[in-house]
N, C-alpha and C. Protein backbone atom coordinates (compact mmCIF):
# COMPACT_ATOMS: atom_id res chain seq x y z
N MET A 1 38.61 10.67 -54.87
CA MET A 1 38.36 9.74 -55.96
C MET A 1 39.06 10.26 -57.22
N SER A 2 39.69 9.35 -57.94
CA SER A 2 40.45 9.75 -59.12
C SER A 2 39.50 10.15 -60.26
N THR A 3 40.05 10.89 -61.20
CA THR A 3 39.27 11.34 -62.34
C THR A 3 38.82 10.16 -63.19
N HIS A 4 39.67 9.13 -63.28
CA HIS A 4 39.33 7.94 -64.06
C HIS A 4 38.10 7.25 -63.48
N LYS A 5 38.05 7.12 -62.14
CA LYS A 5 36.91 6.47 -61.49
C LYS A 5 35.64 7.30 -61.68
N LYS A 6 35.77 8.62 -61.60
CA LYS A 6 34.62 9.50 -61.79
C LYS A 6 34.06 9.35 -63.20
N ALA A 7 34.96 9.26 -64.19
CA ALA A 7 34.53 9.11 -65.58
C ALA A 7 33.82 7.77 -65.78
N LYS A 8 34.37 6.71 -65.16
CA LYS A 8 33.75 5.40 -65.28
C LYS A 8 32.37 5.39 -64.63
N ARG A 9 32.25 6.03 -63.46
CA ARG A 9 30.96 6.10 -62.78
C ARG A 9 29.94 6.88 -63.59
N ALA A 10 30.38 8.01 -64.17
CA ALA A 10 29.48 8.82 -64.98
C ALA A 10 28.99 8.04 -66.19
N LYS A 11 29.89 7.28 -66.81
CA LYS A 11 29.52 6.47 -67.97
C LYS A 11 28.51 5.40 -67.58
N ARG A 12 28.75 4.74 -66.42
CA ARG A 12 27.84 3.70 -65.94
C ARG A 12 26.46 4.27 -65.60
N GLU A 13 26.43 5.45 -64.96
CA GLU A 13 25.17 6.09 -64.62
C GLU A 13 24.38 6.46 -65.87
N LYS A 14 25.11 6.89 -66.92
CA LYS A 14 24.45 7.24 -68.18
C LYS A 14 23.80 6.01 -68.81
N LEU A 15 24.52 4.86 -68.79
CA LEU A 15 23.97 3.63 -69.36
C LEU A 15 22.75 3.14 -68.56
N ILE A 16 22.81 3.28 -67.23
CA ILE A 16 21.67 2.88 -66.41
C ILE A 16 20.47 3.78 -66.69
N ALA A 17 20.71 5.06 -66.91
CA ALA A 17 19.62 5.98 -67.23
C ALA A 17 18.98 5.62 -68.57
N LEU A 18 19.80 5.19 -69.54
CA LEU A 18 19.28 4.85 -70.87
C LEU A 18 18.57 3.50 -70.89
N TYR A 19 19.22 2.46 -70.34
CA TYR A 19 18.74 1.09 -70.52
C TYR A 19 18.26 0.44 -69.24
N GLY A 20 18.28 1.14 -68.12
CA GLY A 20 17.84 0.56 -66.86
C GLY A 20 18.91 -0.33 -66.26
N ASP A 21 18.63 -0.82 -65.06
CA ASP A 21 19.57 -1.71 -64.39
C ASP A 21 19.29 -3.13 -64.85
N ASN A 22 20.24 -3.74 -65.55
CA ASN A 22 20.03 -5.06 -66.15
C ASN A 22 20.51 -6.20 -65.27
N LYS A 23 20.77 -5.92 -64.00
CA LYS A 23 21.24 -6.98 -63.11
C LYS A 23 20.08 -7.91 -62.77
N PRO A 24 20.36 -9.20 -62.58
CA PRO A 24 19.29 -10.13 -62.19
C PRO A 24 18.82 -9.86 -60.76
N LYS A 25 17.53 -10.06 -60.53
CA LYS A 25 16.95 -9.90 -59.20
C LYS A 25 16.85 -11.27 -58.53
N LYS A 26 16.97 -11.29 -57.20
CA LYS A 26 16.90 -12.54 -56.46
C LYS A 26 15.47 -12.79 -56.00
N GLY A 27 15.13 -14.06 -55.88
CA GLY A 27 13.81 -14.44 -55.39
C GLY A 27 13.84 -15.88 -54.94
N ASN A 28 12.66 -16.43 -54.69
CA ASN A 28 12.55 -17.80 -54.22
C ASN A 28 11.77 -18.65 -55.21
N SER A 29 12.11 -19.93 -55.26
CA SER A 29 11.35 -20.91 -56.01
C SER A 29 10.77 -21.88 -54.99
N LEU A 30 9.44 -22.05 -54.99
CA LEU A 30 8.76 -22.89 -54.01
C LEU A 30 8.41 -24.23 -54.62
N SER A 31 8.65 -25.29 -53.85
CA SER A 31 8.14 -26.62 -54.19
C SER A 31 6.97 -26.88 -53.27
N GLN A 32 5.82 -27.22 -53.86
CA GLN A 32 4.62 -27.40 -53.06
C GLN A 32 3.96 -28.73 -53.38
N ARG A 33 3.16 -29.20 -52.42
CA ARG A 33 2.34 -30.38 -52.65
C ARG A 33 0.93 -30.08 -52.13
N GLY A 34 -0.03 -30.85 -52.62
CA GLY A 34 -1.40 -30.68 -52.17
C GLY A 34 -2.27 -29.98 -53.19
N LYS A 35 -3.55 -29.97 -52.89
CA LYS A 35 -4.54 -29.36 -53.76
C LYS A 35 -5.07 -28.09 -53.09
N PRO A 36 -5.19 -26.99 -53.84
CA PRO A 36 -5.67 -25.74 -53.22
C PRO A 36 -7.07 -25.89 -52.63
N LYS A 37 -7.35 -25.10 -51.61
CA LYS A 37 -8.65 -25.16 -50.95
C LYS A 37 -9.78 -24.78 -51.90
N TYR A 38 -9.53 -23.78 -52.77
CA TYR A 38 -10.61 -23.35 -53.66
C TYR A 38 -10.96 -24.41 -54.70
N LEU A 39 -10.10 -25.43 -54.83
CA LEU A 39 -10.41 -26.55 -55.73
C LEU A 39 -10.90 -27.77 -54.96
N GLY A 40 -11.18 -27.58 -53.67
CA GLY A 40 -11.73 -28.67 -52.88
C GLY A 40 -10.70 -29.46 -52.10
N GLY A 41 -9.47 -28.97 -52.04
CA GLY A 41 -8.42 -29.69 -51.32
C GLY A 41 -8.27 -29.20 -49.90
N ASN A 42 -7.24 -29.69 -49.24
CA ASN A 42 -6.96 -29.34 -47.85
C ASN A 42 -5.98 -28.17 -47.75
N GLY A 43 -5.47 -27.68 -48.88
CA GLY A 43 -4.55 -26.55 -48.89
C GLY A 43 -3.17 -26.96 -49.39
N ARG A 44 -2.45 -25.99 -49.93
CA ARG A 44 -1.10 -26.25 -50.44
C ARG A 44 -0.10 -26.22 -49.28
N LYS A 45 0.87 -27.12 -49.31
CA LYS A 45 1.92 -27.16 -48.30
C LYS A 45 3.27 -26.98 -49.00
N THR A 46 4.07 -26.04 -48.49
CA THR A 46 5.40 -25.80 -49.05
C THR A 46 6.36 -26.85 -48.51
N THR A 47 7.05 -27.55 -49.44
CA THR A 47 7.97 -28.61 -49.03
C THR A 47 9.42 -28.21 -49.24
N GLY A 48 9.66 -27.10 -49.91
CA GLY A 48 11.05 -26.67 -50.12
C GLY A 48 11.11 -25.28 -50.70
N ILE A 49 12.12 -24.51 -50.28
CA ILE A 49 12.33 -23.16 -50.79
C ILE A 49 13.76 -23.08 -51.29
N THR A 50 13.95 -22.67 -52.54
CA THR A 50 15.27 -22.56 -53.15
C THR A 50 15.45 -21.14 -53.67
N ARG A 51 16.63 -20.58 -53.43
CA ARG A 51 16.93 -19.25 -53.98
C ARG A 51 17.14 -19.36 -55.48
N ARG A 52 16.70 -18.34 -56.20
CA ARG A 52 16.88 -18.31 -57.65
C ARG A 52 17.03 -16.88 -58.11
N TYR A 53 17.38 -16.71 -59.41
CA TYR A 53 17.53 -15.39 -60.01
C TYR A 53 16.44 -15.17 -61.05
N PHE A 54 15.88 -13.96 -61.08
CA PHE A 54 14.97 -13.54 -62.14
C PHE A 54 15.80 -12.69 -63.09
N ARG A 55 16.19 -13.28 -64.23
CA ARG A 55 17.06 -12.60 -65.18
C ARG A 55 16.23 -11.94 -66.28
N LYS A 56 16.67 -10.76 -66.71
CA LYS A 56 16.01 -10.10 -67.83
C LYS A 56 16.42 -10.78 -69.12
N ASN A 57 15.54 -10.71 -70.11
CA ASN A 57 15.81 -11.29 -71.43
C ASN A 57 16.66 -10.28 -72.21
N LEU A 58 17.98 -10.40 -72.09
CA LEU A 58 18.90 -9.46 -72.72
C LEU A 58 19.33 -9.96 -74.09
N GLN A 59 19.36 -9.05 -75.05
CA GLN A 59 19.83 -9.35 -76.39
C GLN A 59 20.91 -8.34 -76.75
N LYS A 60 21.97 -8.79 -77.43
CA LYS A 60 23.03 -7.87 -77.86
C LYS A 60 22.67 -7.35 -79.24
N ILE A 61 22.36 -6.05 -79.31
CA ILE A 61 21.93 -5.44 -80.58
C ILE A 61 22.74 -4.18 -80.83
N ARG A 62 22.67 -3.71 -82.08
CA ARG A 62 23.30 -2.45 -82.46
C ARG A 62 22.34 -1.32 -82.14
N VAL A 63 22.87 -0.26 -81.49
CA VAL A 63 22.04 0.84 -81.01
C VAL A 63 22.70 2.16 -81.39
N MET A 64 21.87 3.17 -81.71
CA MET A 64 22.38 4.52 -81.94
C MET A 64 22.56 5.21 -80.59
N GLU A 65 23.79 5.67 -80.33
CA GLU A 65 24.08 6.33 -79.06
C GLU A 65 24.99 7.52 -79.33
N ASP A 66 24.49 8.73 -79.11
CA ASP A 66 25.24 9.96 -79.37
C ASP A 66 25.73 10.03 -80.81
N GLY A 67 24.92 9.59 -81.76
CA GLY A 67 25.28 9.64 -83.18
C GLY A 67 26.19 8.53 -83.63
N LYS A 68 26.55 7.62 -82.74
CA LYS A 68 27.42 6.50 -83.10
C LYS A 68 26.65 5.20 -82.97
N VAL A 69 27.08 4.19 -83.73
CA VAL A 69 26.48 2.86 -83.64
C VAL A 69 27.34 2.02 -82.71
N VAL A 70 26.73 1.52 -81.63
CA VAL A 70 27.45 0.69 -80.66
C VAL A 70 26.62 -0.56 -80.38
N ARG A 71 27.29 -1.58 -79.87
CA ARG A 71 26.59 -2.81 -79.48
C ARG A 71 26.36 -2.78 -77.97
N ARG A 72 25.12 -3.07 -77.58
CA ARG A 72 24.76 -3.05 -76.17
C ARG A 72 23.86 -4.24 -75.84
N TRP A 73 23.93 -4.69 -74.58
CA TRP A 73 22.98 -5.66 -74.06
C TRP A 73 21.74 -4.91 -73.64
N VAL A 74 20.61 -5.20 -74.30
CA VAL A 74 19.38 -4.44 -74.08
C VAL A 74 18.25 -5.42 -73.76
N PRO A 75 17.38 -5.11 -72.78
CA PRO A 75 16.24 -5.98 -72.51
C PRO A 75 15.23 -5.95 -73.66
N VAL A 76 14.66 -7.11 -73.96
CA VAL A 76 13.69 -7.22 -75.04
C VAL A 76 12.46 -6.36 -74.75
N SER A 77 12.11 -6.19 -73.47
CA SER A 77 10.94 -5.38 -73.12
C SER A 77 11.10 -3.94 -73.61
N MET A 78 12.34 -3.41 -73.58
CA MET A 78 12.58 -2.05 -74.06
C MET A 78 12.54 -1.99 -75.58
N ILE A 79 13.02 -3.05 -76.25
CA ILE A 79 12.99 -3.09 -77.71
C ILE A 79 11.54 -3.10 -78.18
N ARG A 80 10.70 -3.94 -77.56
CA ARG A 80 9.29 -4.04 -77.94
C ARG A 80 8.52 -2.75 -77.66
N ALA A 81 8.91 -2.06 -76.59
CA ALA A 81 8.22 -0.83 -76.23
C ALA A 81 8.64 0.34 -77.12
N GLY A 82 9.66 0.14 -77.96
CA GLY A 82 10.11 1.21 -78.85
C GLY A 82 10.99 2.23 -78.17
N LEU A 83 11.59 1.88 -77.04
CA LEU A 83 12.45 2.82 -76.31
C LEU A 83 13.87 2.82 -76.82
N ILE A 84 14.21 1.88 -77.71
CA ILE A 84 15.56 1.75 -78.24
C ILE A 84 15.58 2.28 -79.67
N GLN A 85 16.57 3.12 -79.97
CA GLN A 85 16.72 3.65 -81.32
C GLN A 85 17.75 2.82 -82.06
N LYS A 86 17.28 2.04 -83.03
CA LYS A 86 18.19 1.21 -83.82
C LYS A 86 18.73 2.02 -85.00
N PRO A 87 19.94 1.68 -85.48
CA PRO A 87 20.47 2.39 -86.64
C PRO A 87 19.69 2.03 -87.89
N VAL A 88 19.60 2.98 -88.83
CA VAL A 88 18.90 2.76 -90.09
C VAL A 88 19.81 1.97 -91.01
N VAL A 89 19.32 0.85 -91.48
CA VAL A 89 20.09 -0.01 -92.38
C VAL A 89 19.36 -0.05 -93.71
N ARG A 90 20.06 0.23 -94.80
CA ARG A 90 19.40 0.20 -96.10
C ARG A 90 19.35 -1.23 -96.61
N GLU A 91 18.47 -1.47 -97.56
CA GLU A 91 18.31 -2.80 -98.14
C GLU A 91 19.61 -3.23 -98.82
N PRO A 92 19.98 -4.50 -98.75
CA PRO A 92 21.20 -4.96 -99.41
C PRO A 92 21.08 -4.89 -100.93
N PHE A 93 22.18 -4.66 -101.59
CA PHE A 93 22.29 -4.61 -103.06
C PHE A 93 21.46 -3.49 -103.68
N THR A 94 21.27 -2.38 -102.95
CA THR A 94 20.57 -1.23 -103.52
C THR A 94 21.47 -0.02 -103.40
N LEU A 95 21.27 0.92 -104.30
CA LEU A 95 22.03 2.17 -104.27
C LEU A 95 21.21 3.21 -103.52
N PRO A 96 21.86 4.07 -102.76
CA PRO A 96 21.09 5.14 -102.09
C PRO A 96 20.50 6.09 -103.11
N GLU A 97 19.27 6.54 -102.87
CA GLU A 97 18.61 7.45 -103.82
C GLU A 97 19.17 8.85 -103.66
N LEU A 98 19.43 9.49 -104.81
CA LEU A 98 19.92 10.87 -104.80
C LEU A 98 18.74 11.81 -104.93
N GLU A 99 18.75 12.91 -104.18
CA GLU A 99 17.61 13.82 -104.17
C GLU A 99 17.51 14.63 -105.45
N GLY A 100 18.61 14.86 -106.15
CA GLY A 100 18.60 15.69 -107.34
C GLY A 100 17.99 15.01 -108.56
N GLU A 101 17.94 13.68 -108.59
CA GLU A 101 17.42 12.95 -109.75
C GLU A 101 15.90 12.93 -109.75
N SER A 102 15.32 12.82 -110.94
CA SER A 102 13.87 12.71 -111.06
C SER A 102 13.47 11.71 -112.11
């Protein structure tokens, strides 16, 4: 395997370790008719099965990565959980405070 491919694989593995695997998962969508037995019916009957994708809610945000600010597709679940380190942005139209002044 070439060095270029190894570097690309290492970079991809690092991103998966940080943000997880963001690929959509496959599943089924069921079409059903009837009333469930616990509600007094005769039972649900499946009338059709369709393949579908369960996609993560990805948002493109700015993220701190190795001291640099980069844009990445990140799942909202990780943002809400506080697993993503966002860059510090100061308020607009303000000057940074100097430590020597009082």
